[in-house]
């Protein structure tokens, strides 16, 4: 029960970020017909940020308790496991940013020289 309470507390502190990411996903889906590739990249990128953040919250609450109670790990060993988790999530975050950057800047038509004159 205390894990559930702790997890809900952590998730609640991230609520503004989750709502923003959900709004971005909804906006991309609404604009899908107009910009399908851009919307796809935006949905994939923001969805992965959302899932990673929620998973990170769950792991940060559950994993230290699990490692200490069931495995009897020392604080140093738990720190090493959490460092590996952090490295893995960094790669996922980098991939998510690539998707968002592609959504922002990829697949745009080239600007014509007449656009500069007007």
Protein backbone atom coordinates (compact mmCIF):
# COMPACT_ATOMS: atom_id res chain seq x y z
CA UNK A 1 0.00 0.00 0.00
CA UNK A 2 2.82 2.41 0.79
CA UNK A 3 4.31 1.78 -2.66
CA UNK A 4 1.00 2.72 -4.30
CA UNK A 5 0.77 5.91 -2.24
CA UNK A 6 4.36 6.85 -3.03
CA UNK A 7 3.84 6.12 -6.72
CA UNK A 8 0.66 8.19 -6.89
CA UNK A 9 2.49 11.05 -5.18
CA UNK A 10 5.32 10.95 -7.71
CA UNK A 11 2.90 10.71 -10.63
CA UNK A 12 0.87 13.64 -9.27
CA UNK A 13 3.95 15.86 -9.16
CA UNK A 14 4.46 15.17 -12.87
CA UNK A 15 0.83 15.85 -13.81
CA UNK A 16 1.54 19.15 -15.64
CA UNK A 17 4.10 17.42 -17.87
CA UNK A 18 1.77 14.48 -18.51
CA UNK A 19 -1.08 16.80 -19.44
CA UNK A 20 1.17 18.76 -21.79
CA UNK A 21 2.38 15.58 -23.50
CA UNK A 22 -1.19 14.28 -23.80
CA UNK A 23 -2.25 17.60 -25.34
CA UNK A 24 0.60 17.34 -27.87
CA UNK A 25 -0.47 13.81 -28.77
CA UNK A 26 -4.10 14.86 -29.22
CA UNK A 27 -3.07 17.90 -31.29
CA UNK A 28 -0.89 15.74 -33.54
CA UNK A 29 -3.72 13.23 -34.03
CA UNK A 30 -6.16 16.04 -34.88
CA UNK A 31 -3.70 17.39 -37.49
CA UNK A 32 -2.89 13.92 -38.87
CA UNK A 33 -4.73 14.37 -42.19
CA UNK A 34 -2.91 17.61 -42.92
CA UNK A 35 0.59 16.48 -41.88
CA UNK A 36 0.69 12.67 -41.54
CA UNK A 37 4.46 12.18 -41.28
CA UNK A 38 4.99 15.11 -38.96
CA UNK A 39 2.08 13.97 -36.80
CA UNK A 40 3.44 10.43 -36.67
CA UNK A 41 6.85 11.63 -35.47
CA UNK A 42 5.20 13.94 -32.93
CA UNK A 43 2.94 11.17 -31.60
CA UNK A 44 5.81 8.69 -31.36
CA UNK A 45 8.18 11.15 -29.72
CA UNK A 46 5.74 12.56 -27.19
CA UNK A 47 4.27 9.14 -26.42
CA UNK A 48 7.71 7.77 -25.66
CA UNK A 49 8.42 10.75 -23.38
CA UNK A 50 5.14 10.11 -21.59
CA UNK A 51 5.72 6.38 -21.17
CA UNK A 52 9.33 6.87 -20.14
CA UNK A 53 8.38 9.43 -17.52
CA UNK A 54 5.67 7.20 -16.07
CA UNK A 55 7.97 4.18 -16.10
CA UNK A 56 10.72 6.25 -14.50
CA UNK A 57 8.37 7.25 -11.70
CA UNK A 58 7.39 3.64 -11.10
CA UNK A 59 10.98 2.44 -11.18
CA UNK A 60 12.19 5.18 -8.84
CA UNK A 61 9.58 4.16 -6.27
CA UNK A 62 9.54 0.38 -6.65
CA UNK A 63 13.10 -0.60 -7.58
CA UNK A 64 15.01 0.69 -4.53
CA UNK A 65 12.55 -0.99 -2.16
CA UNK A 66 12.60 -4.21 -4.17
CA UNK A 67 16.39 -4.31 -4.34
CA UNK A 68 16.81 -3.64 -0.64
CA UNK A 69 14.12 -6.01 0.64
CA UNK A 70 14.25 -8.98 -1.73
CA UNK A 71 17.88 -8.85 -2.80
CA UNK A 72 19.49 -7.33 0.26
CA UNK A 73 21.54 -4.96 -1.86
CA UNK A 74 23.69 -2.28 -0.33
CA UNK A 75 23.16 1.39 -1.10
CA UNK A 76 26.19 1.29 -3.40
CA UNK A 77 24.81 -1.67 -5.35
CA UNK A 78 21.40 0.00 -5.64
CA UNK A 79 23.13 3.13 -6.91
CA UNK A 80 24.85 1.09 -9.60
CA UNK A 81 21.54 -0.43 -10.74
CA UNK A 82 19.91 3.00 -10.80
CA UNK A 83 22.86 4.35 -12.80
CA UNK A 84 22.30 1.63 -15.41
CA UNK A 85 18.60 2.54 -15.50
CA UNK A 86 19.58 6.18 -16.00
CA UNK A 87 21.90 5.33 -18.89
CA UNK A 88 19.20 3.25 -20.59
CA UNK A 89 16.61 5.99 -20.22
CA UNK A 90 19.05 8.54 -21.62
CA UNK A 91 19.19 6.59 -24.87
CA UNK A 92 15.39 6.37 -25.02
CA UNK A 93 15.12 10.11 -24.34
CA UNK A 94 17.64 10.85 -27.09
CA UNK A 95 15.57 8.77 -29.53
CA UNK A 96 12.42 10.59 -28.42
CA UNK A 97 14.09 13.94 -29.06
CA UNK A 98 15.13 12.78 -32.53
CA UNK A 99 11.48 12.03 -33.30
CA UNK A 100 10.30 15.38 -31.99
CA UNK A 101 13.02 17.24 -33.90
CA UNK A 102 12.08 15.38 -37.08
CA UNK A 103 8.48 16.37 -36.47
CA UNK A 104 9.48 20.01 -36.13
CA UNK A 105 11.96 20.31 -38.97
CA UNK A 106 11.62 17.28 -41.23
CA UNK A 107 9.60 16.95 -44.40
CA UNK A 108 9.01 20.61 -45.05
CA UNK A 109 8.84 21.85 -48.63
CA UNK A 110 11.75 24.00 -49.71
CA UNK A 111 11.07 27.71 -49.46
CA UNK A 112 10.86 29.36 -52.86
CA UNK A 113 12.84 32.51 -53.63
CA UNK A 114 9.57 34.39 -54.21
CA UNK A 115 8.66 33.87 -50.55
CA UNK A 116 11.68 35.97 -49.57
CA UNK A 117 10.56 38.91 -51.74
CA UNK A 118 7.09 39.22 -50.24
